[in-house]
Amino acid sequence: MTLDETTRTRLTGLRSGKQSYYAELRRTQSRLTSAVRALEGISEALVRTRDDPRALLEEVLRAAAGHLRSDWTMIALHDTALPELPSRFLAAGPGGVIITGGEELPGWLAAELARARRDAAGTDDAEAGVLRMPLTLDAAVLGRLVAGPESGDLVEHADRWVLRILANQAAMSLHTASLYTTGARLRREAKDLYDKVARSAQRELLDAERHRIALELHDSVAQYVLSAGLAVDVCRAEAADTGNPTAAGRLAQARDLIAKASDQVRSVVFALRHREDGDDDAAVLPELLKGLAAQERPGLEVTLRLEGRPCPLPAVTAHGLARIGGEALFNISVHAAASRAVVRLRYRPGEVFLSVGDNGNGDPVRLRRLLRVESGGDSDGRHQGLAGMACRAAGLGGTFRIRRSGLGGVQIETRVPAGEEERS
């Protein structure tokens, strides 16, 4: 029985008859050996691939180039495929040299790269000596494996099968790398979230303990200090009535020390109750002053003005400025016969400025003289408000000044250092 050429080719894998049988057999054997070597290289690369598919992809490129006798091979991803992978293409040039920069590609291959990134072709094709094989996964096209220019030999079906196997291996490796990259990112995010929750829980425990200590100080130590101050005041008055100025003076000094101790206790209580967590620090002082301005003072209208961008301040600084503002408003409501007061808080780079002015009948010159007397320790101990504000400002590293208010009365001004204002 005589076999036709088509049947013989299908059965033997050879395209020729008896005249060229041996040469055709050698060529087919060479192709088969090349395909087996390509698959062997891929299998070796597979066991070295995990998060980085580079080793396997390089082996795919070299195997494809060797099997098809092509000078250039390239794997390129479509722009919408596997967005977790930063590298979008890899190429191998003459001699198996790996290329990662688009500027090193020949013009025709750069055009193939642009085409692969733009078009999601789902079938293999050959055109102008260039063979293209899609990288597919679950019927989705991830990109292309491109080889060319061809050596001039006719590309057979078996060659396409080999190229398809290589393309599938590359697609699976890229997909695995994408999953690994995504998993690593999710693990980092989970760890960050866990750390944040742990820090939050620790912060809550610390806050609870700080508030407990603050409550103990407020309800025990502070009350004892205040009671001691009241007792000293009674003794000072009795000493003055009995005509003992020496004892009265010493009791006045003791009362001043008790007042300072009371201020220290209040500062510690404030610091313990206040959470120092960045943005909250910036809002503390304006909120404290807003509360002072809103307090009921019959016949006195208080306006709060905020200028500049609030910056975080240490709890002691915020508390000290608020105490200065509260003392100034108390003096205005009791002594100045004023109907209006303005509290101005101004944030500047490296500085916080606080002023309290009124439209009352106070005299800045007299108050400055009284401040010098009080600071020198020559007063009778009954008017320590100005000296207390000046001392508090100095303790914060700032300055204290008394001048004429734009409203017509008295204005006290305090400047304290602060961190540099953040610029957006």
Protein backbone atom coordinates (compact mmCIF):
# COMPACT_ATOMS: atom_id res chain seq x y z
CA MET A 1 0.00 0.00 0.00
CA THR A 2 1.36 3.41 -0.92
CA LEU A 3 0.95 6.26 1.62
CA ASP A 4 0.32 9.77 0.43
CA GLU A 5 2.63 12.60 1.54
CA THR A 6 0.17 14.03 4.09
CA THR A 7 -0.40 10.69 5.84
CA ARG A 8 3.35 9.95 5.91
CA THR A 9 4.07 13.31 7.48
CA ARG A 10 1.49 12.75 10.21
CA LEU A 11 2.80 9.29 11.02
CA THR A 12 6.52 9.97 10.93
CA GLY A 13 6.78 13.68 11.61
CA LEU A 14 8.77 14.00 8.36
CA ARG A 15 7.90 16.13 5.37
CA SER A 16 9.90 14.22 2.72
CA GLY A 17 9.90 10.80 1.12
CA LYS A 18 12.63 8.21 0.85
CA GLN A 19 15.01 10.42 -1.13
CA SER A 20 15.64 12.74 1.86
CA TYR A 21 14.51 10.52 4.67
CA TYR A 22 17.80 10.43 6.60
CA ALA A 23 18.40 14.19 6.44
CA GLU A 24 14.82 14.83 7.50
CA LEU A 25 15.15 12.35 10.35
CA ARG A 26 18.31 14.10 11.59
CA ARG A 27 16.61 17.47 11.46
CA THR A 28 13.55 16.17 13.33
CA GLN A 29 15.77 14.50 15.93
CA SER A 30 17.66 17.77 16.39
CA ARG A 31 14.40 19.62 16.92
CA LEU A 32 13.22 17.02 19.42
CA THR A 33 16.52 17.19 21.30
CA SER A 34 16.25 20.98 21.38
CA ALA A 35 12.70 20.79 22.75
CA VAL A 36 13.75 18.31 25.47
CA ARG A 37 16.67 20.51 26.47
CA ALA A 38 14.36 23.53 26.64
CA LEU A 39 11.93 21.68 28.91
CA GLU A 40 14.83 20.42 31.04
CA GLY A 41 16.06 23.97 31.55
CA ILE A 42 12.56 25.08 32.48
CA SER A 43 12.22 22.25 35.03
CA GLU A 44 15.51 23.25 36.67
CA ALA A 45 14.44 26.89 36.83
CA LEU A 46 11.07 25.99 38.35
CA VAL A 47 12.61 24.67 41.56
CA ARG A 48 14.47 27.99 42.02
CA THR A 49 11.43 30.23 41.54
CA ARG A 50 9.36 31.68 44.38
CA ASP A 51 8.85 35.39 44.83
CA ASP A 52 11.14 36.32 41.95
CA PRO A 53 10.30 34.68 38.58
CA ARG A 54 13.40 36.16 36.97
CA ALA A 55 15.40 32.88 36.81
CA LEU A 56 12.60 30.95 35.12
CA LEU A 57 11.77 33.76 32.71
CA GLU A 58 15.40 34.02 31.64
CA GLU A 59 15.45 30.28 31.04
CA VAL A 60 12.24 30.53 29.01
CA LEU A 61 13.74 33.26 26.84
CA ARG A 62 16.96 31.37 26.19
CA ALA A 63 15.14 28.10 25.57
CA ALA A 64 12.82 29.75 23.05
CA ALA A 65 15.72 31.46 21.31
CA GLY A 66 17.72 28.23 21.13
CA HIS A 67 14.82 26.13 19.91
CA LEU A 68 13.73 28.56 17.18
CA ARG A 69 17.27 29.77 16.41
CA SER A 70 16.12 33.37 17.03
CA ASP A 71 18.36 36.28 17.89
CA TRP A 72 15.78 38.00 20.13
CA THR A 73 13.08 36.76 22.50
CA MET A 74 10.89 38.77 24.87
CA ILE A 75 8.19 38.28 27.50
CA ALA A 76 5.89 41.28 27.88
CA LEU A 77 2.88 41.78 30.18
CA HIS A 78 -0.31 43.57 29.21
CA ASP A 79 -0.74 46.88 31.06
CA THR A 80 -3.81 45.63 32.97
CA ALA A 81 -2.39 42.19 33.87
CA LEU A 82 -0.78 41.39 37.26
CA PRO A 83 -0.44 45.04 38.39
CA GLU A 84 1.42 43.92 41.54
CA LEU A 85 4.53 43.11 39.48
CA PRO A 86 6.77 46.14 38.96
CA SER A 87 8.72 44.70 36.02
CA ARG A 88 6.60 44.58 32.85
CA PHE A 89 8.95 42.94 30.35
CA LEU A 90 12.16 40.94 29.99
CA ALA A 91 14.13 40.28 26.81
CA ALA A 92 17.12 38.18 25.71
CA GLY A 93 19.37 39.36 22.90
CA PRO A 94 22.10 37.72 20.84
CA GLY A 95 24.20 35.36 22.93
CA GLY A 96 21.49 35.12 25.59
CA VAL A 97 22.24 38.57 27.06
CA ILE A 98 19.29 39.64 29.28
CA ILE A 99 17.82 43.07 28.53
CA THR A 100 15.67 45.00 31.06
CA GLY A 101 15.77 48.54 29.59
CA GLY A 102 13.47 49.52 26.74
CA GLU A 103 16.13 51.76 25.20
CA GLU A 104 18.31 48.69 24.53
CA LEU A 105 15.70 46.96 22.34
CA PRO A 106 15.89 47.09 18.53
CA GLY A 107 13.16 49.13 16.89
CA TRP A 108 11.02 46.21 15.76
CA LEU A 109 11.09 44.62 19.24
CA ALA A 110 10.25 47.94 20.92
CA ALA A 111 7.21 48.10 18.64
CA GLU A 112 6.30 44.54 19.68
CA LEU A 113 6.59 45.60 23.33
CA ALA A 114 4.20 48.51 22.82
CA ARG A 115 1.81 46.23 20.96
CA ALA A 116 1.90 43.56 23.67
CA ARG A 117 1.23 46.11 26.41
CA ARG A 118 -1.65 47.63 24.48
CA ASP A 119 -3.34 44.66 22.73
CA ALA A 120 -4.49 41.53 24.53
CA ALA A 121 -4.31 39.10 21.61
CA GLY A 122 -5.47 35.58 22.50
CA THR A 123 -4.06 33.59 19.57
CA ASP A 124 -0.56 32.83 18.36
CA ASP A 125 0.53 34.27 15.05
CA ALA A 126 3.60 34.79 12.90
CA GLU A 127 4.19 37.89 10.85
CA ALA A 128 7.28 39.29 9.07
CA GLY A 129 9.53 36.74 10.70
CA VAL A 130 8.18 37.37 14.22
CA LEU A 131 6.40 34.65 16.16
CA ARG A 132 3.99 35.66 18.95
CA MET A 133 2.58 33.33 21.57
CA PRO A 134 0.05 34.55 24.19
CA LEU A 135 0.68 34.06 27.91
CA THR A 136 -2.64 32.67 29.12
CA LEU A 137 -3.97 31.72 32.54
CA ASP A 138 -7.56 30.56 33.06
CA ALA A 139 -8.40 31.76 29.54
CA ALA A 140 -7.14 35.25 30.44
CA VAL A 141 -4.33 36.70 28.36
CA LEU A 142 -1.55 38.15 30.54
CA GLY A 143 0.83 39.15 27.76
CA ARG A 144 2.99 37.66 25.01
CA LEU A 145 6.09 35.63 24.35
CA VAL A 146 7.73 37.07 21.24
CA ALA A 147 10.56 35.48 19.24
CA GLY A 148 12.31 36.65 16.07
CA PRO A 149 13.57 37.18 13.58
CA GLU A 150 13.31 33.56 12.45
CA SER A 151 16.33 31.71 11.16
CA GLY A 152 14.58 30.95 7.86
CA ASP A 153 13.49 27.44 8.79
CA LEU A 154 9.82 26.70 8.54
CA VAL A 155 8.16 26.74 11.98
CA GLU A 156 6.34 23.47 12.49
CA HIS A 157 3.39 22.60 14.71
CA ALA A 158 5.74 20.91 17.17
CA ASP A 159 7.72 24.13 17.47
CA ARG A 160 4.56 26.01 18.29
CA TRP A 161 3.70 23.42 20.91
CA VAL A 162 7.09 23.87 22.53
CA LEU A 163 6.69 27.64 22.46
CA ARG A 164 3.20 27.30 23.94
CA ILE A 165 4.55 25.17 26.79
CA LEU A 166 7.23 27.78 27.46
CA ALA A 167 4.63 30.58 27.40
CA ASN A 168 2.39 28.68 29.82
CA GLN A 169 5.29 28.10 32.21
CA ALA A 170 6.12 31.81 32.10
CA ALA A 171 2.49 32.77 32.72
CA MET A 172 2.25 30.45 35.73
CA SER A 173 5.54 31.74 37.16
CA LEU A 174 4.42 35.34 36.78
CA HIS A 175 1.07 34.56 38.38
CA THR A 176 2.81 32.82 41.31
CA ALA A 177 5.11 35.80 41.79
CA SER A 178 2.09 38.11 41.76
CA LEU A 179 0.38 36.02 44.44
CA TYR A 180 3.55 36.00 46.53
CA THR A 181 3.94 39.77 46.21
CA THR A 182 0.29 40.32 47.14
CA GLY A 183 0.59 37.94 50.09
CA ALA A 184 3.74 39.68 51.34
CA ARG A 185 1.99 43.05 51.11
CA LEU A 186 -1.05 41.73 52.99
CA ARG A 187 1.22 40.25 55.68
CA ARG A 188 2.94 43.61 56.12
CA GLU A 189 -0.41 45.39 56.33
CA ALA A 190 -1.69 42.83 58.84
CA LYS A 191 1.45 43.24 60.95
CA ASP A 192 1.15 47.04 60.84
CA LEU A 193 -2.50 46.77 61.87
CA TYR A 194 -1.62 44.38 64.69
CA ASP A 195 1.14 46.69 65.91
CA LYS A 196 -1.23 49.64 65.76
CA VAL A 197 -3.89 47.79 67.76
CA ALA A 198 -1.26 46.66 70.28
CA ARG A 199 0.02 50.22 70.68
CA SER A 200 -3.54 51.47 71.06
CA ALA A 201 -4.27 48.91 73.76
CA GLN A 202 -1.04 49.78 75.55
CA ARG A 203 -1.85 53.48 75.28
CA GLU A 204 -5.30 52.88 76.77
CA LEU A 205 -3.76 51.03 79.72
CA LEU A 206 -1.25 53.82 80.26
CA ASP A 207 -3.97 56.46 80.01
CA ALA A 208 -6.10 54.62 82.53
CA GLU A 209 -3.17 54.47 84.96
CA ARG A 210 -2.31 58.14 84.39
CA HIS A 211 -5.91 59.19 85.03
CA ARG A 212 -5.99 57.07 88.18
CA ILE A 213 -2.84 58.74 89.52
CA ALA A 214 -4.18 62.17 88.55
CA LEU A 215 -7.41 61.47 90.42
CA GLU A 216 -5.49 60.38 93.51
CA LEU A 217 -3.37 63.55 93.42
CA HIS A 218 -6.40 65.75 92.90
CA ASP A 219 -8.54 64.18 95.58
CA SER A 220 -5.85 63.73 98.24
CA VAL A 221 -2.59 65.68 97.87
CA ALA A 222 -4.15 68.76 96.29
CA GLN A 223 -6.86 68.95 98.95
CA TYR A 224 -4.30 68.71 101.76
CA VAL A 225 -2.20 71.46 100.17
CA LEU A 226 -5.23 73.74 99.84
CA SER A 227 -6.23 73.04 103.43
CA ALA A 228 -2.72 73.90 104.59
CA GLY A 229 -2.90 77.18 102.67
CA LEU A 230 -6.18 78.11 104.29
CA ALA A 231 -4.79 77.29 107.75
CA VAL A 232 -1.73 79.48 107.11
CA ASP A 233 -3.96 82.35 105.98
CA VAL A 234 -5.90 82.14 109.24
CA CYS A 235 -2.68 82.11 111.27
CA ARG A 236 -1.28 85.06 109.29
CA ALA A 237 -4.38 87.10 109.97
CA GLU A 238 -4.21 86.25 113.68
CA ALA A 239 -0.50 87.15 113.80
CA ALA A 240 -1.23 90.49 112.15
CA ASP A 241 -3.99 91.19 114.70
CA THR A 242 -1.63 90.48 117.61
CA GLY A 243 0.94 92.92 116.30
CA ASN A 244 3.62 90.36 115.36
CA PRO A 245 4.84 91.50 111.92
CA THR A 246 7.72 89.00 111.87
CA ALA A 247 5.42 86.01 112.28
CA ALA A 248 2.96 87.49 109.78
CA GLY A 249 5.73 87.91 107.20
CA ARG A 250 6.96 84.35 107.66
CA LEU A 251 3.43 83.02 107.38
CA ALA A 252 2.98 85.05 104.19
CA GLN A 253 6.10 83.39 102.79
CA ALA A 254 4.77 80.00 103.83
CA ARG A 255 1.49 80.74 102.11
CA ASP A 256 3.34 81.65 98.91
CA LEU A 257 5.26 78.38 99.03
CA ILE A 258 2.01 76.48 99.53
CA ALA A 259 0.46 78.33 96.58
CA LYS A 260 3.41 77.33 94.39
CA ALA A 261 3.11 73.73 95.56
CA SER A 262 -0.58 73.80 94.72
CA ASP A 263 0.23 75.10 91.24
CA GLN A 264 2.76 72.31 90.77
CA VAL A 265 0.23 69.69 91.80
CA ARG A 266 -2.36 71.11 89.40
CA SER A 267 0.23 71.11 86.60
CA VAL A 268 1.09 67.48 87.26
CA VAL A 269 -2.61 66.52 87.35
CA PHE A 270 -3.16 68.31 84.04
CA ALA A 271 -0.15 66.61 82.42
CA LEU A 272 -1.28 63.18 83.61
CA ARG A 273 -4.79 63.66 82.32
CA HIS A 274 -3.62 64.90 78.95
CA ARG A 275 -2.72 62.41 76.19
CA GLU A 276 0.29 63.56 74.24
CA ASP A 277 -0.50 62.10 70.83
CA GLY A 278 0.43 64.65 68.16
CA ASP A 279 -2.63 66.34 66.71
CA ASP A 280 -4.49 66.38 70.05
CA ASP A 281 -1.67 68.45 71.54
CA ALA A 282 -2.27 71.20 69.00
CA ALA A 283 -5.93 71.53 70.02
CA VAL A 284 -5.45 71.57 73.81
CA LEU A 285 -4.53 75.22 74.39
CA PRO A 286 -7.25 76.70 72.12
CA GLU A 287 -9.81 74.44 73.82
CA LEU A 288 -8.67 75.52 77.29
CA LEU A 289 -8.89 79.18 76.35
CA LYS A 290 -12.26 78.63 74.73
CA GLY A 291 -13.49 77.19 78.02
CA LEU A 292 -12.13 80.19 79.94
CA ALA A 293 -13.77 82.64 77.55
CA ALA A 294 -17.10 80.88 77.88
CA GLN A 295 -17.20 81.09 81.68
CA GLU A 296 -19.95 83.28 83.07
CA ARG A 297 -18.66 86.72 84.15
CA PRO A 298 -21.51 89.18 84.80
CA GLY A 299 -21.08 92.40 82.85
CA LEU A 300 -17.98 91.21 80.95
CA GLU A 301 -17.99 90.06 77.33
CA VAL A 302 -14.96 87.91 76.44
CA THR A 303 -13.87 87.31 72.84
CA LEU A 304 -11.31 84.69 71.80
CA ARG A 305 -9.24 85.21 68.65
CA LEU A 306 -7.00 82.51 67.18
CA GLU A 307 -4.31 83.43 64.65
CA GLY A 308 -1.92 81.13 62.82
CA ARG A 309 -1.84 77.36 62.63
CA PRO A 310 -1.96 75.60 66.03
CA CYS A 311 1.11 73.48 66.73
CA PRO A 312 1.59 70.77 69.37
CA LEU A 313 2.78 72.10 72.74
CA PRO A 314 4.02 70.29 75.85
CA ALA A 315 1.25 69.81 78.41
CA VAL A 316 3.07 72.04 80.93
CA THR A 317 3.28 74.89 78.40
CA ALA A 318 -0.38 74.65 77.42
CA HIS A 319 -1.44 74.49 81.06
CA GLY A 320 0.81 77.42 82.02
CA LEU A 321 -0.53 79.70 79.28
CA ALA A 322 -4.09 78.76 80.15
CA ARG A 323 -3.44 79.63 83.81
CA ILE A 324 -1.99 83.00 82.78
CA GLY A 325 -5.06 83.69 80.66
CA GLY A 326 -7.40 82.62 83.46
CA GLU A 327 -5.62 84.82 86.03
CA ALA A 328 -5.74 87.80 83.67
CA LEU A 329 -9.48 87.37 83.07
CA PHE A 330 -10.06 87.03 86.83
CA ASN A 331 -8.21 90.30 87.47
CA ILE A 332 -10.21 92.06 84.75
CA SER A 333 -13.56 90.88 86.09
CA VAL A 334 -12.68 91.82 89.71
CA HIS A 335 -10.55 94.96 89.44
CA ALA A 336 -10.79 96.62 86.00
CA ALA A 337 -14.46 97.66 85.82
CA ALA A 338 -14.36 96.51 82.19
CA SER A 339 -17.24 95.49 79.94
CA ARG A 340 -15.17 93.85 77.24
CA ALA A 341 -12.05 91.67 77.08
CA VAL A 342 -10.21 90.10 74.12
CA VAL A 343 -8.05 87.00 74.42
CA ARG A 344 -5.72 86.62 71.45
CA LEU A 345 -3.70 83.44 70.82
CA ARG A 346 -1.22 83.77 67.97
CA TYR A 347 1.00 80.98 66.63
CA ARG A 348 4.24 82.05 64.98
CA PRO A 349 7.25 80.02 63.81
CA GLY A 350 9.05 79.03 66.99
CA GLU A 351 6.79 81.10 69.26
CA VAL A 352 3.33 81.25 70.84
CA PHE A 353 1.92 84.67 71.73
CA LEU A 354 -0.90 85.14 74.25
CA SER A 355 -2.45 88.51 75.08
CA VAL A 356 -5.45 89.51 77.20
CA GLY A 357 -6.70 93.08 76.87
CA ASP A 358 -9.69 95.00 78.21
CA ASN A 359 -11.48 98.36 78.02
CA GLY A 360 -11.39 98.98 81.77
CA ASN A 361 -9.86 101.70 83.94
CA GLY A 362 -6.56 99.99 84.75
CA ASP A 363 -3.25 101.89 84.55
CA PRO A 364 -0.36 99.97 82.92
CA VAL A 365 2.25 102.20 84.59
CA ARG A 366 0.85 101.51 88.06
CA LEU A 367 0.58 97.80 87.38
CA ARG A 368 4.18 97.61 86.17
CA ARG A 369 5.28 99.37 89.36
CA LEU A 370 3.18 96.97 91.45
CA LEU A 371 4.73 94.01 89.58
CA ARG A 372 8.24 95.21 90.48
CA VAL A 373 7.22 95.54 94.12
CA GLU A 374 5.64 92.10 94.21
CA SER A 375 8.60 90.50 92.43
CA GLY A 376 10.97 92.10 94.96
CA GLY A 377 9.14 90.55 97.89
CA ASP A 378 8.22 93.91 99.46
CA SER A 379 4.43 93.57 99.22
CA ASP A 380 2.07 92.54 101.97
CA GLY A 381 1.26 89.29 100.17
CA ARG A 382 -2.27 90.24 99.16
CA HIS A 383 -1.63 90.99 95.45
CA GLN A 384 0.47 88.21 93.99
CA GLY A 385 -1.49 87.72 90.71
CA LEU A 386 0.83 89.76 88.47
CA ALA A 387 3.97 88.25 89.99
CA GLY A 388 2.49 84.76 89.60
CA MET A 389 1.79 85.31 85.90
CA ALA A 390 5.28 86.74 85.31
CA CYS A 391 6.88 83.87 87.22
CA ARG A 392 4.87 81.31 85.27
CA ALA A 393 5.90 82.89 81.94
CA ALA A 394 9.55 82.88 83.00
CA GLY A 395 9.26 79.23 84.04
CA LEU A 396 8.13 78.41 80.49
CA GLY A 397 11.18 80.19 79.08
CA GLY A 398 9.11 83.16 77.92
CA THR A 399 8.49 86.83 78.65
CA PHE A 400 5.72 88.76 80.38
CA ARG A 401 4.76 92.37 79.56
CA ILE A 402 2.11 94.90 80.65
CA ARG A 403 1.06 97.65 78.24
CA ARG A 404 -1.88 99.82 77.20
CA SER A 405 -4.60 97.87 75.42
CA GLY A 406 -5.99 98.94 72.06
CA LEU A 407 -9.40 98.84 73.75
CA GLY A 408 -8.26 101.55 76.18
CA GLY A 409 -7.51 99.49 79.27
CA VAL A 410 -4.65 97.15 80.16
CA GLN A 411 -3.17 94.37 78.09
CA ILE A 412 -0.87 91.63 79.36
CA GLU A 413 1.32 89.84 76.80
CA THR A 414 3.14 86.53 77.14
CA ARG A 415 5.52 85.01 74.61
CA VAL A 416 6.84 81.47 75.03
CA PRO A 417 9.02 79.36 72.70
CA ALA A 418 7.45 76.54 70.67
CA GLY A 419 8.44 74.12 67.92
CA GLU A 420 8.70 75.31 64.33
CA GLU A 421 5.35 75.55 62.62
CA GLU A 422 4.80 72.82 60.05
CA ARG A 423 4.50 74.05 56.53
CA SER A 424 2.26 72.31 54.03
